[in-house]
Amino acid sequence: MAVMLVSLAGCGRGADTPPPTDCASVQRTWTQHAGGAGDIKPPGVWNAAMAADVGRGEVLLYGGFLAEPLGRSNQAWSWDGLTGTWTNRTPSTT
């Protein structure tokens, strides 16, 4: 049985405002994981939704706000903690 622990934190100011670049007042430690083969990973977003998919052993990421280009994201991604890889789950529009 695999156990997945996800810890989320932030220092943003609101849904439509990008988080500050200096979050020194928030004491958090993050570990950056490579995106796997080809370094595939989602773009940087804030105020996205995340949920655990226990059946698949993945964490799902959806939506949020993009910093570049500034705007809303409609992308869906899954993170497999066992393989350390992201998979783009955004449905095709064609």
C-alpha atoms as a PDB file:
ATOM      1  CA  MET A   1       0.000   0.000   0.000  1.00  0.00           C
ATOM      2  CA  ALA A   2       1.351   3.427  -0.958  1.00  0.00           C
ATOM      3  CA  VAL A   3       0.729   6.472   1.199  1.00  0.00           C
ATOM      4  CA  MET A   4       0.767   9.935  -0.326  1.00  0.00           C
ATOM      5  CA  LEU A   5       1.168  13.090   1.743  1.00  0.00           C
ATOM      6  CA  VAL A   6       0.581  16.474   0.166  1.00  0.00           C
ATOM      7  CA  SER A   7       1.220  19.695   2.040  1.00  0.00           C
ATOM      8  CA  LEU A   8       0.016  22.995   0.634  1.00  0.00           C
ATOM      9  CA  ALA A   9       0.865  26.497   1.772  1.00  0.00           C
ATOM     10  CA  GLY A  10       0.945  29.946   0.289  1.00  0.00           C
ATOM     11  CA  CYS A  11       1.280  33.640   0.843  1.00  0.00           C
ATOM     12  CA  GLY A  12      -0.974  35.146  -1.818  1.00  0.00           C
ATOM     13  CA  ARG A  13      -3.164  38.214  -1.366  1.00  0.00           C
ATOM     14  CA  GLY A  14      -6.309  37.272  -3.231  1.00  0.00           C
ATOM     15  CA  ALA A  15      -7.786  35.327  -6.104  1.00  0.00           C
ATOM     16  CA  ASP A  16      -6.982  37.858  -8.841  1.00  0.00           C
ATOM     17  CA  THR A  17      -3.668  39.119  -7.446  1.00  0.00           C
ATOM     18  CA  PRO A  18      -0.426  37.263  -8.124  1.00  0.00           C
ATOM     19  CA  PRO A  19       1.366  36.106  -4.988  1.00  0.00           C
ATOM     20  CA  PRO A  20       4.250  38.308  -3.892  1.00  0.00           C
ATOM     21  CA  THR A  21       7.688  37.268  -5.083  1.00  0.00           C
ATOM     22  CA  ASP A  22       9.068  37.646  -1.553  1.00  0.00           C
ATOM     23  CA  CYS A  23       7.305  35.333   0.865  1.00  0.00           C
ATOM     24  CA  ALA A  24      10.013  35.627   3.526  1.00  0.00           C
ATOM     25  CA  SER A  25       7.407  36.165   6.223  1.00  0.00           C
ATOM     26  CA  VAL A  26       6.005  32.687   5.520  1.00  0.00           C
ATOM     27  CA  GLN A  27       8.362  30.021   6.823  1.00  0.00           C
ATOM     28  CA  ARG A  28       7.873  26.986   4.578  1.00  0.00           C
ATOM     29  CA  THR A  29      10.240  24.450   3.090  1.00  0.00           C
ATOM     30  CA  TRP A  30       9.475  22.988  -0.328  1.00  0.00           C
ATOM     31  CA  THR A  31      11.228  20.267  -2.252  1.00  0.00           C
ATOM     32  CA  GLN A  32      11.288  20.694  -6.003  1.00  0.00           C
ATOM     33  CA  HIS A  33      10.725  17.496  -7.966  1.00  0.00           C
ATOM     34  CA  ALA A  34      11.691  17.143 -11.605  1.00  0.00           C
ATOM     35  CA  GLY A  35       8.863  16.702 -14.044  1.00  0.00           C
ATOM     36  CA  GLY A  36      10.146  13.318 -15.185  1.00  0.00           C
ATOM     37  CA  ALA A  37      10.901  12.414 -18.775  1.00  0.00           C
ATOM     38  CA  GLY A  38      11.260  15.583 -20.836  1.00  0.00           C
ATOM     39  CA  ASP A  39      10.693  17.692 -17.694  1.00  0.00           C
ATOM     40  CA  ILE A  40       6.935  17.789 -18.353  1.00  0.00           C
ATOM     41  CA  LYS A  41       5.158  19.804 -15.674  1.00  0.00           C
ATOM     42  CA  PRO A  42       2.267  22.239 -15.291  1.00  0.00           C
ATOM     43  CA  PRO A  43       2.822  25.977 -15.580  1.00  0.00           C
ATOM     44  CA  GLY A  44       3.100  28.012 -12.402  1.00  0.00           C
ATOM     45  CA  VAL A  45      -0.401  28.794 -11.092  1.00  0.00           C
ATOM     46  CA  TRP A  46      -1.999  30.067  -7.913  1.00  0.00           C
ATOM     47  CA  ASN A  47      -5.472  29.486  -6.426  1.00  0.00           C
ATOM     48  CA  ALA A  48      -5.758  26.166  -8.266  1.00  0.00           C
ATOM     49  CA  ALA A  49      -7.812  23.251  -6.981  1.00  0.00           C
ATOM     50  CA  MET A  50      -6.099  20.051  -5.841  1.00  0.00           C
ATOM     51  CA  ALA A  51      -7.535  16.710  -4.810  1.00  0.00           C
ATOM     52  CA  ALA A  52      -6.214  13.245  -4.074  1.00  0.00           C
ATOM     53  CA  ASP A  53      -7.309  10.388  -6.322  1.00  0.00           C
ATOM     54  CA  VAL A  54      -6.756   7.521  -3.905  1.00  0.00           C
ATOM     55  CA  GLY A  55      -7.831   4.895  -6.441  1.00  0.00           C
ATOM     56  CA  ARG A  56      -5.070   5.882  -8.859  1.00  0.00           C
ATOM     57  CA  GLY A  57      -2.590   7.021  -6.240  1.00  0.00           C
ATOM     58  CA  GLU A  58      -2.337  10.480  -7.811  1.00  0.00           C
ATOM     59  CA  VAL A  59      -2.870  14.114  -6.882  1.00  0.00           C
ATOM     60  CA  LEU A  60      -4.960  16.127  -9.342  1.00  0.00           C
ATOM     61  CA  LEU A  61      -4.401  19.814 -10.116  1.00  0.00           C
ATOM     62  CA  TYR A  62      -6.972  21.905 -11.966  1.00  0.00           C
ATOM     63  CA  GLY A  63      -7.322  25.525 -12.999  1.00  0.00           C
ATOM     64  CA  GLY A  64      -6.009  28.508 -11.111  1.00  0.00           C
ATOM     65  CA  PHE A  65      -4.463  31.711 -12.374  1.00  0.00           C
ATOM     66  CA  LEU A  66      -1.444  31.864 -14.676  1.00  0.00           C
ATOM     67  CA  ALA A  67       1.345  34.371 -14.170  1.00  0.00           C
ATOM     68  CA  GLU A  68       2.602  34.098 -17.772  1.00  0.00           C
ATOM     69  CA  PRO A  69       0.478  34.939 -19.671  1.00  0.00           C
ATOM     70  CA  LEU A  70      -1.652  36.490 -16.940  1.00  0.00           C
ATOM     71  CA  GLY A  71      -5.089  34.897 -16.918  1.00  0.00           C
ATOM     72  CA  ARG A  72      -7.134  31.887 -15.886  1.00  0.00           C
ATOM     73  CA  SER A  73      -5.966  28.334 -16.522  1.00  0.00           C
ATOM     74  CA  ASN A  74      -8.269  25.517 -17.614  1.00  0.00           C
ATOM     75  CA  GLN A  75      -5.542  22.880 -17.509  1.00  0.00           C
ATOM     76  CA  ALA A  76      -5.796  19.596 -15.615  1.00  0.00           C
ATOM     77  CA  TRP A  77      -2.723  17.686 -14.432  1.00  0.00           C
ATOM     78  CA  SER A  78      -2.011  14.617 -12.328  1.00  0.00           C
ATOM     79  CA  TRP A  79       1.066  13.962 -10.162  1.00  0.00           C
ATOM     80  CA  ASP A  80       2.210  10.397  -9.563  1.00  0.00           C
ATOM     81  CA  GLY A  81       4.287  10.472  -6.395  1.00  0.00           C
ATOM     82  CA  LEU A  82       5.646   6.970  -6.954  1.00  0.00           C
ATOM     83  CA  THR A  83       7.164   7.735 -10.353  1.00  0.00           C
ATOM     84  CA  GLY A  84       7.670  11.453  -9.689  1.00  0.00           C
ATOM     85  CA  THR A  85       5.975  12.466 -12.936  1.00  0.00           C
ATOM     86  CA  TRP A  86       3.306  14.913 -14.056  1.00  0.00           C
ATOM     87  CA  THR A  87       0.775  13.999 -16.760  1.00  0.00           C
ATOM     88  CA  ASN A  88      -1.256  16.608 -18.649  1.00  0.00           C
ATOM     89  CA  ARG A  89      -4.918  15.520 -18.354  1.00  0.00           C
ATOM     90  CA  THR A  90      -6.394  18.542 -20.150  1.00  0.00           C
ATOM     91  CA  PRO A  91      -8.995  17.285 -22.661  1.00  0.00           C
ATOM     92  CA  SER A  92      -8.276  17.975 -26.312  1.00  0.00           C
ATOM     93  CA  THR A  93     -10.356  20.775 -27.848  1.00  0.00           C
ATOM     94  CA  THR A  94     -10.386  19.238 -31.328  1.00  0.00           C
END
